[in-house]
PDB file of N, CA and C in Angstrom:
ATOM      1  N   UNK A   1      29.073   5.925   2.183  1.00  0.00           N
ATOM      2  CA  UNK A   1      28.354   4.722   2.530  1.00  0.00           C
ATOM      3  C   UNK A   1      27.668   4.185   1.280  1.00  0.00           C
ATOM      4  N   UNK A   2      27.788   2.903   1.045  1.00  0.00           N
ATOM      5  CA  UNK A   2      27.214   2.261  -0.123  1.00  0.00           C
ATOM      6  C   UNK A   2      25.923   1.541   0.267  1.00  0.00           C
ATOM      7  N   UNK A   3      24.815   1.966  -0.319  1.00  0.00           N
ATOM      8  CA  UNK A   3      23.549   1.292  -0.074  1.00  0.00           C
ATOM      9  C   UNK A   3      23.266   0.318  -1.201  1.00  0.00           C
ATOM     10  N   UNK A   4      22.820  -0.835  -0.851  1.00  0.00           N
ATOM     11  CA  UNK A   4      22.444  -1.802  -1.863  1.00  0.00           C
ATOM     12  C   UNK A   4      21.122  -1.387  -2.494  1.00  0.00           C
ATOM     13  N   UNK A   5      20.957  -1.766  -3.757  1.00  0.00           N
ATOM     14  CA  UNK A   5      19.720  -1.440  -4.468  1.00  0.00           C
ATOM     15  C   UNK A   5      18.506  -2.004  -3.727  1.00  0.00           C
ATOM     16  N   UNK A   6      18.626  -3.209  -3.213  1.00  0.00           N
ATOM     17  CA  UNK A   6      17.521  -3.846  -2.488  1.00  0.00           C
ATOM     18  C   UNK A   6      17.090  -2.983  -1.307  1.00  0.00           C
ATOM     19  N   UNK A   7      18.049  -2.470  -0.562  1.00  0.00           N
ATOM     20  CA  UNK A   7      17.762  -1.622   0.593  1.00  0.00           C
ATOM     21  C   UNK A   7      17.098  -0.322   0.165  1.00  0.00           C
ATOM     22  N   UNK A   8      17.596   0.254  -0.916  1.00  0.00           N
ATOM     23  CA  UNK A   8      17.012   1.506  -1.404  1.00  0.00           C
ATOM     24  C   UNK A   8      15.572   1.300  -1.859  1.00  0.00           C
ATOM     25  N   UNK A   9      15.300   0.202  -2.552  1.00  0.00           N
ATOM     26  CA  UNK A   9      13.937  -0.082  -3.004  1.00  0.00           C
ATOM     27  C   UNK A   9      13.029  -0.283  -1.792  1.00  0.00           C
ATOM     28  N   UNK A  10      13.479  -1.044  -0.816  1.00  0.00           N
ATOM     29  CA  UNK A  10      12.677  -1.296   0.384  1.00  0.00           C
ATOM     30  C   UNK A  10      12.392   0.002   1.141  1.00  0.00           C
ATOM     31  N   UNK A  11      13.406   0.846   1.290  1.00  0.00           N
ATOM     32  CA  UNK A  11      13.228   2.115   1.991  1.00  0.00           C
ATOM     33  C   UNK A  11      12.260   3.024   1.242  1.00  0.00           C
ATOM     34  N   UNK A  12      12.378   3.047  -0.077  1.00  0.00           N
ATOM     35  CA  UNK A  12      11.500   3.889  -0.882  1.00  0.00           C
ATOM     36  C   UNK A  12      10.056   3.389  -0.800  1.00  0.00           C
ATOM     37  N   UNK A  13       9.869   2.078  -0.883  1.00  0.00           N
ATOM     38  CA  UNK A  13       8.521   1.519  -0.751  1.00  0.00           C
ATOM     39  C   UNK A  13       7.922   1.854   0.617  1.00  0.00           C
ATOM     40  N   UNK A  14       8.726   1.763   1.635  1.00  0.00           N
ATOM     41  CA  UNK A  14       8.263   2.091   2.979  1.00  0.00           C
ATOM     42  C   UNK A  14       7.830   3.556   3.057  1.00  0.00           C
ATOM     43  N   UNK A  15       8.614   4.443   2.463  1.00  0.00           N
ATOM     44  CA  UNK A  15       8.277   5.868   2.456  1.00  0.00           C
ATOM     45  C   UNK A  15       6.997   6.136   1.690  1.00  0.00           C
ATOM     46  N   UNK A  16       6.850   5.507   0.534  1.00  0.00           N
ATOM     47  CA  UNK A  16       5.636   5.697  -0.268  1.00  0.00           C
ATOM     48  C   UNK A  16       4.422   5.174   0.488  1.00  0.00           C
ATOM     49  N   UNK A  17       4.559   4.030   1.131  1.00  0.00           N
ATOM     50  CA  UNK A  17       3.432   3.488   1.895  1.00  0.00           C
ATOM     51  C   UNK A  17       3.020   4.440   3.016  1.00  0.00           C
ATOM     52  N   UNK A  18       3.984   5.072   3.641  1.00  0.00           N
ATOM     53  CA  UNK A  18       3.680   6.064   4.669  1.00  0.00           C
ATOM     54  C   UNK A  18       2.939   7.261   4.102  1.00  0.00           C
ATOM     55  N   UNK A  19       3.374   7.707   2.929  1.00  0.00           N
ATOM     56  CA  UNK A  19       2.691   8.826   2.268  1.00  0.00           C
ATOM     57  C   UNK A  19       1.258   8.451   1.913  1.00  0.00           C
ATOM     58  N   UNK A  20       1.066   7.238   1.412  1.00  0.00           N
ATOM     59  CA  UNK A  20      -0.285   6.788   1.070  1.00  0.00           C
ATOM     60  C   UNK A  20      -1.192   6.780   2.299  1.00  0.00           C
ATOM     61  N   UNK A  21      -0.646   6.379   3.438  1.00  0.00           N
ATOM     62  CA  UNK A  21      -1.432   6.408   4.677  1.00  0.00           C
ATOM     63  C   UNK A  21      -1.814   7.840   5.038  1.00  0.00           C
ATOM     64  N   UNK A  22      -0.865   8.764   4.897  1.00  0.00           N
ATOM     65  CA  UNK A  22      -1.155  10.161   5.225  1.00  0.00           C
ATOM     66  C   UNK A  22      -2.206  10.737   4.281  1.00  0.00           C
ATOM     67  N   UNK A  23      -2.105  10.429   2.981  1.00  0.00           N
ATOM     68  CA  UNK A  23      -3.129  10.904   2.047  1.00  0.00           C
ATOM     69  C   UNK A  23      -4.489  10.320   2.424  1.00  0.00           C
ATOM     70  N   UNK A  24      -4.505   9.053   2.820  1.00  0.00           N
ATOM     71  CA  UNK A  24      -5.750   8.419   3.235  1.00  0.00           C
ATOM     72  C   UNK A  24      -6.381   9.095   4.447  1.00  0.00           C
ATOM     73  N   UNK A  25      -5.558   9.681   5.284  1.00  0.00           N
ATOM     74  CA  UNK A  25      -6.054  10.417   6.449  1.00  0.00           C
ATOM     75  C   UNK A  25      -6.495  11.825   6.076  1.00  0.00           C
ATOM     76  N   UNK A  26      -5.752  12.481   5.183  1.00  0.00           N
ATOM     77  CA  UNK A  26      -6.029  13.879   4.852  1.00  0.00           C
ATOM     78  C   UNK A  26      -7.231  14.058   3.929  1.00  0.00           C
ATOM     79  N   UNK A  27      -7.346  13.212   2.921  1.00  0.00           N
ATOM     80  CA  UNK A  27      -8.371  13.407   1.892  1.00  0.00           C
ATOM     81  C   UNK A  27      -9.784  13.501   2.478  1.00  0.00           C
ATOM     82  N   UNK A  28     -10.193  12.583   3.328  1.00  0.00           N
ATOM     83  CA  UNK A  28     -11.574  12.686   3.829  1.00  0.00           C
ATOM     84  C   UNK A  28     -11.781  13.826   4.829  1.00  0.00           C
ATOM     85  N   UNK A  29     -10.701  14.425   5.313  1.00  0.00           N
ATOM     86  CA  UNK A  29     -10.833  15.469   6.321  1.00  0.00           C
ATOM     87  C   UNK A  29     -10.934  16.871   5.743  1.00  0.00           C
ATOM     88  N   UNK A  30     -10.660  17.028   4.457  1.00  0.00           N
ATOM     89  CA  UNK A  30     -10.712  18.372   3.884  1.00  0.00           C
ATOM     90  C   UNK A  30     -12.069  18.629   3.237  1.00  0.00           C
ATOM     91  N   UNK A  31     -12.559  19.829   3.428  1.00  0.00           N
ATOM     92  CA  UNK A  31     -13.823  20.222   2.805  1.00  0.00           C
ATOM     93  C   UNK A  31     -13.579  20.983   1.504  1.00  0.00           C
ATOM     94  N   UNK A  32     -12.355  21.454   1.293  1.00  0.00           N
ATOM     95  CA  UNK A  32     -12.014  22.206   0.090  1.00  0.00           C
ATOM     96  C   UNK A  32     -11.903  21.235  -1.083  1.00  0.00           C
ATOM     97  N   UNK A  33     -12.820  21.365  -2.047  1.00  0.00           N
ATOM     98  CA  UNK A  33     -12.871  20.415  -3.159  1.00  0.00           C
ATOM     99  C   UNK A  33     -11.608  20.441  -4.010  1.00  0.00           C
ATOM    100  N   UNK A  34     -11.036  21.619  -4.224  1.00  0.00           N
ATOM    101  CA  UNK A  34      -9.809  21.720  -5.026  1.00  0.00           C
ATOM    102  C   UNK A  34      -8.643  21.030  -4.321  1.00  0.00           C
ATOM    103  N   UNK A  35      -8.530  21.268  -3.026  1.00  0.00           N
ATOM    104  CA  UNK A  35      -7.470  20.620  -2.249  1.00  0.00           C
ATOM    105  C   UNK A  35      -7.676  19.106  -2.244  1.00  0.00           C
ATOM    106  N   UNK A  36      -8.904  18.671  -2.057  1.00  0.00           N
ATOM    107  CA  UNK A  36      -9.205  17.243  -2.046  1.00  0.00           C
ATOM    108  C   UNK A  36      -8.794  16.613  -3.372  1.00  0.00           C
ATOM    109  N   UNK A  37      -9.116  17.292  -4.485  1.00  0.00           N
ATOM    110  CA  UNK A  37      -8.771  16.771  -5.804  1.00  0.00           C
ATOM    111  C   UNK A  37      -7.257  16.712  -5.997  1.00  0.00           C
ATOM    112  N   UNK A  38      -6.555  17.736  -5.533  1.00  0.00           N
ATOM    113  CA  UNK A  38      -5.095  17.752  -5.636  1.00  0.00           C
ATOM    114  C   UNK A  38      -4.484  16.621  -4.812  1.00  0.00           C
ATOM    115  N   UNK A  39      -4.972  16.439  -3.596  1.00  0.00           N
ATOM    116  CA  UNK A  39      -4.468  15.351  -2.753  1.00  0.00           C
ATOM    117  C   UNK A  39      -4.747  13.993  -3.387  1.00  0.00           C
ATOM    118  N   UNK A  40      -5.907  13.838  -4.021  1.00  0.00           N
ATOM    119  CA  UNK A  40      -6.234  12.584  -4.696  1.00  0.00           C
ATOM    120  C   UNK A  40      -5.289  12.337  -5.868  1.00  0.00           C
ATOM    121  N   UNK A  41      -4.923  13.394  -6.583  1.00  0.00           N
ATOM    122  CA  UNK A  41      -3.973  13.259  -7.689  1.00  0.00           C
ATOM    123  C   UNK A  41      -2.599  12.837  -7.159  1.00  0.00           C
ATOM    124  N   UNK A  42      -2.173  13.448  -6.063  1.00  0.00           N
ATOM    125  CA  UNK A  42      -0.899  13.058  -5.447  1.00  0.00           C
ATOM    126  C   UNK A  42      -0.943  11.599  -4.990  1.00  0.00           C
ATOM    127  N   UNK A  43      -2.062  11.214  -4.364  1.00  0.00           N
ATOM    128  CA  UNK A  43      -2.221   9.830  -3.915  1.00  0.00           C
ATOM    129  C   UNK A  43      -2.151   8.873  -5.104  1.00  0.00           C
ATOM    130  N   UNK A  44      -2.818   9.217  -6.194  1.00  0.00           N
ATOM    131  CA  UNK A  44      -2.804   8.354  -7.374  1.00  0.00           C
ATOM    132  C   UNK A  44      -1.394   8.208  -7.935  1.00  0.00           C
ATOM    133  N   UNK A  45      -0.633   9.305  -7.948  1.00  0.00           N
ATOM    134  CA  UNK A  45       0.752   9.250  -8.421  1.00  0.00           C
ATOM    135  C   UNK A  45       1.599   8.378  -7.494  1.00  0.00           C
ATOM    136  N   UNK A  46       1.370   8.491  -6.190  1.00  0.00           N
ATOM    137  CA  UNK A  46       2.089   7.652  -5.218  1.00  0.00           C
ATOM    138  C   UNK A  46       1.746   6.184  -5.426  1.00  0.00           C
ATOM    139  N   UNK A  47       0.477   5.901  -5.663  1.00  0.00           N
ATOM    140  CA  UNK A  47       0.065   4.509  -5.885  1.00  0.00           C
ATOM    141  C   UNK A  47       0.735   3.942  -7.131  1.00  0.00           C
ATOM    142  N   UNK A  48       0.838   4.760  -8.166  1.00  0.00           N
ATOM    143  CA  UNK A  48       1.503   4.316  -9.398  1.00  0.00           C
ATOM    144  C   UNK A  48       2.980   4.030  -9.137  1.00  0.00           C
ATOM    145  N   UNK A  49       3.644   4.915  -8.409  1.00  0.00           N
ATOM    146  CA  UNK A  49       5.058   4.705  -8.079  1.00  0.00           C
ATOM    147  C   UNK A  49       5.228   3.462  -7.219  1.00  0.00           C
ATOM    148  N   UNK A  50       4.330   3.284  -6.272  1.00  0.00           N
ATOM    149  CA  UNK A  50       4.392   2.122  -5.396  1.00  0.00           C
ATOM    150  C   UNK A  50       4.255   0.845  -6.207  1.00  0.00           C
ATOM    151  N   UNK A  51       3.329   0.822  -7.146  1.00  0.00           N
ATOM    152  CA  UNK A  51       3.116  -0.369  -7.975  1.00  0.00           C
ATOM    153  C   UNK A  51       4.341  -0.662  -8.842  1.00  0.00           C
ATOM    154  N   UNK A  52       4.944   0.374  -9.421  1.00  0.00           N
ATOM    155  CA  UNK A  52       6.129   0.188 -10.259  1.00  0.00           C
ATOM    156  C   UNK A  52       7.303  -0.359  -9.440  1.00  0.00           C
ATOM    157  N   UNK A  53       7.505   0.189  -8.253  1.00  0.00           N
ATOM    158  CA  UNK A  53       8.593  -0.298  -7.397  1.00  0.00           C
ATOM    159  C   UNK A  53       8.312  -1.712  -6.903  1.00  0.00           C
ATOM    160  N   UNK A  54       7.062  -2.000  -6.591  1.00  0.00           N
ATOM    161  CA  UNK A  54       6.684  -3.339  -6.161  1.00  0.00           C
ATOM    162  C   UNK A  54       7.001  -4.350  -7.265  1.00  0.00           C
ATOM    163  N   UNK A  55       6.661  -4.011  -8.507  1.00  0.00           N
ATOM    164  CA  UNK A  55       6.946  -4.916  -9.626  1.00  0.00           C
ATOM    165  C   UNK A  55       8.455  -5.110  -9.794  1.00  0.00           C
ATOM    166  N   UNK A  56       9.228  -4.037  -9.656  1.00  0.00           N
ATOM    167  CA  UNK A  56      10.687  -4.127  -9.736  1.00  0.00           C
ATOM    168  C   UNK A  56      11.215  -5.052  -8.634  1.00  0.00           C
ATOM    169  N   UNK A  57      10.699  -4.864  -7.425  1.00  0.00           N
ATOM    170  CA  UNK A  57      11.142  -5.694  -6.295  1.00  0.00           C
ATOM    171  C   UNK A  57      10.798  -7.164  -6.532  1.00  0.00           C
ATOM    172  N   UNK A  58       9.635  -7.428  -7.095  1.00  0.00           N
ATOM    173  CA  UNK A  58       9.257  -8.825  -7.395  1.00  0.00           C
ATOM    174  C   UNK A  58      10.165  -9.409  -8.473  1.00  0.00           C
ATOM    175  N   UNK A  59      10.418  -8.637  -9.538  1.00  0.00           N
ATOM    176  CA  UNK A  59      11.258  -9.118 -10.648  1.00  0.00           C
ATOM    177  C   UNK A  59      12.659  -9.471 -10.179  1.00  0.00           C
ATOM    178  N   UNK A  60      13.198  -8.689  -9.256  1.00  0.00           N
ATOM    179  CA  UNK A  60      14.564  -8.896  -8.787  1.00  0.00           C
ATOM    180  C   UNK A  60      14.619  -9.773  -7.534  1.00  0.00           C
ATOM    181  N   UNK A  61      13.486 -10.317  -7.154  1.00  0.00           N
ATOM    182  CA  UNK A  61      13.366 -11.168  -5.956  1.00  0.00           C
ATOM    183  C   UNK A  61      13.787 -10.442  -4.678  1.00  0.00           C
ATOM    184  N   UNK A  62      13.591  -9.119  -4.667  1.00  0.00           N
ATOM    185  CA  UNK A  62      13.826  -8.362  -3.438  1.00  0.00           C
ATOM    186  C   UNK A  62      12.651  -8.544  -2.491  1.00  0.00           C
ATOM    187  N   UNK A  63      11.514  -8.840  -3.061  1.00  0.00           N
ATOM    188  CA  UNK A  63      10.298  -9.029  -2.286  1.00  0.00           C
ATOM    189  C   UNK A  63       9.622 -10.299  -2.761  1.00  0.00           C
ATOM    190  N   UNK A  64       9.357 -11.179  -1.839  1.00  0.00           N
ATOM    191  CA  UNK A  64       8.623 -12.401  -2.150  1.00  0.00           C
ATOM    192  C   UNK A  64       7.367 -12.372  -1.286  1.00  0.00           C
ATOM    193  N   UNK A  65       6.195 -12.276  -1.912  1.00  0.00           N
ATOM    194  CA  UNK A  65       4.972 -12.182  -1.121  1.00  0.00           C
ATOM    195  C   UNK A  65       4.698 -13.474  -0.358  1.00  0.00           C
ATOM    196  N   UNK A  66       3.947 -13.346   0.688  1.00  0.00           N
ATOM    197  CA  UNK A  66       3.548 -14.525   1.468  1.00  0.00           C
ATOM    198  C   UNK A  66       2.691 -15.426   0.593  1.00  0.00           C
ATOM    199  N   UNK A  67       2.643 -16.688   0.953  1.00  0.00           N
ATOM    200  CA  UNK A  67       1.814 -17.616   0.183  1.00  0.00           C
ATOM    201  C   UNK A  67       0.350 -17.225   0.341  1.00  0.00           C
ATOM    202  N   UNK A  68      -0.444 -17.581  -0.657  1.00  0.00           N
ATOM    203  CA  UNK A  68      -1.860 -17.234  -0.633  1.00  0.00           C
ATOM    204  C   UNK A  68      -2.571 -18.035   0.447  1.00  0.00           C
ATOM    205  N   UNK A  69      -3.579 -17.408   1.011  1.00  0.00           N
ATOM    206  CA  UNK A  69      -4.365 -18.067   2.048  1.00  0.00           C
ATOM    207  C   UNK A  69      -5.141 -19.229   1.440  1.00  0.00           C
ATOM    208  N   UNK A  70      -5.301 -20.260   2.233  1.00  0.00           N
ATOM    209  CA  UNK A  70      -6.112 -21.392   1.787  1.00  0.00           C
ATOM    210  C   UNK A  70      -7.583 -20.988   1.845  1.00  0.00           C
ATOM    211  N   UNK A  71      -8.423 -21.736   1.157  1.00  0.00           N
ATOM    212  CA  UNK A  71      -9.861 -21.456   1.194  1.00  0.00           C
ATOM    213  C   UNK A  71     -10.392 -21.565   2.621  1.00  0.00           C
ATOM    214  N   UNK A  72      -9.861 -22.498   3.381  1.00  0.00           N
ATOM    215  CA  UNK A  72     -10.276 -22.657   4.782  1.00  0.00           C
ATOM    216  C   UNK A  72      -9.929 -21.400   5.587  1.00  0.00           C
ATOM    217  N   UNK A  73      -8.740 -20.852   5.368  1.00  0.00           N
ATOM    218  CA  UNK A  73      -8.344 -19.627   6.073  1.00  0.00           C
ATOM    219  C   UNK A  73      -9.232 -18.452   5.685  1.00  0.00           C
ATOM    220  N   UNK A  74      -9.549 -18.356   4.404  1.00  0.00           N
ATOM    221  CA  UNK A  74     -10.427 -17.282   3.923  1.00  0.00           C
ATOM    222  C   UNK A  74     -11.801 -17.404   4.574  1.00  0.00           C
ATOM    223  N   UNK A  75     -12.341 -18.602   4.598  1.00  0.00           N
ATOM    224  CA  UNK A  75     -13.663 -18.824   5.201  1.00  0.00           C
ATOM    225  C   UNK A  75     -13.645 -18.510   6.688  1.00  0.00           C
ATOM    226  N   UNK A  76     -12.568 -18.848   7.369  1.00  0.00           N
ATOM    227  CA  UNK A  76     -12.452 -18.553   8.798  1.00  0.00           C
ATOM    228  C   UNK A  76     -12.502 -17.041   9.048  1.00  0.00           C
ATOM    229  N   UNK A  77     -11.742 -16.276   8.277  1.00  0.00           N
ATOM    230  CA  UNK A  77     -11.728 -14.821   8.458  1.00  0.00           C
ATOM    231  C   UNK A  77     -13.101 -14.234   8.126  1.00  0.00           C
ATOM    232  N   UNK A  78     -13.719 -14.724   7.055  1.00  0.00           N
ATOM    233  CA  UNK A  78     -15.064 -14.250   6.717  1.00  0.00           C
ATOM    234  C   UNK A  78     -16.027 -14.502   7.864  1.00  0.00           C
ATOM    235  N   UNK A  79     -15.924 -15.680   8.474  1.00  0.00           N
ATOM    236  CA  UNK A  79     -16.839 -16.012   9.575  1.00  0.00           C
ATOM    237  C   UNK A  79     -16.618 -15.088  10.767  1.00  0.00           C
ATOM    238  N   UNK A  80     -15.398 -14.661  11.000  1.00  0.00           N
ATOM    239  CA  UNK A  80     -15.135 -13.741  12.104  1.00  0.00           C
ATOM    240  C   UNK A  80     -15.856 -12.411  11.905  1.00  0.00           C
ATOM    241  N   UNK A  81     -15.888 -11.950  10.652  1.00  0.00           N
ATOM    242  CA  UNK A  81     -16.540 -10.674  10.365  1.00  0.00           C
ATOM    243  C   UNK A  81     -18.050 -10.796  10.347  1.00  0.00           C
ATOM    244  N   UNK A  82     -18.561 -11.899   9.841  1.00  0.00           N
ATOM    245  CA  UNK A  82     -20.026 -12.041   9.793  1.00  0.00           C
ATOM    246  C   UNK A  82     -20.588 -12.273  11.192  1.00  0.00           C
ATOM    247  N   UNK A  83     -19.824 -12.956  12.045  1.00  0.00           N
ATOM    248  CA  UNK A  83     -20.280 -13.163  13.419  1.00  0.00           C
ATOM    249  C   UNK A  83     -20.326 -11.852  14.192  1.00  0.00           C
ATOM    250  N   UNK A  84     -19.368 -10.968  13.937  1.00  0.00           N
ATOM    251  CA  UNK A  84     -19.294  -9.716  14.699  1.00  0.00           C
ATOM    252  C   UNK A  84     -20.358  -8.704  14.265  1.00  0.00           C
ATOM    253  N   UNK A  85     -20.965  -8.900  13.085  1.00  0.00           N
ATOM    254  CA  UNK A  85     -21.973  -7.946  12.620  1.00  0.00           C
ATOM    255  C   UNK A  85     -23.379  -8.351  13.014  1.00  0.00           C
ATOM    256  N   UNK A  86     -23.537  -9.514  13.627  1.00  0.00           N
ATOM    257  CA  UNK A  86     -24.883  -9.968  14.028  1.00  0.00           C
ATOM    258  C   UNK A  86     -25.165  -9.646  15.469  1.00  0.00           C
TER     259      UNK A  86
END
C-alpha cells in the first residue's frame, strides 16, 4: 500500500498531538519529581517534533490554517469569559 506524504504527515501530527495530551494529563498527576522531569522532557521533545512537522506541512501546503479571528470575534469571546467569572 502506498501512502502519500501528506497522509503520513497528517497521521504523524495526529499521533504527536495525542501524546502531548497524554503528557498533559500525566505530568500534574505524578508526585515523583524525577518522573515528572522525565515526562516534561518527553513532552518538550514531542512539542519540538510537532512544530517541525507543522512547519513542513505549512511549507508544502498540506495544512492551511484557518483565517485569523476578527477583532470583533476576539472581543466577543473575551466577553463570554468575563461575563462567566462575575
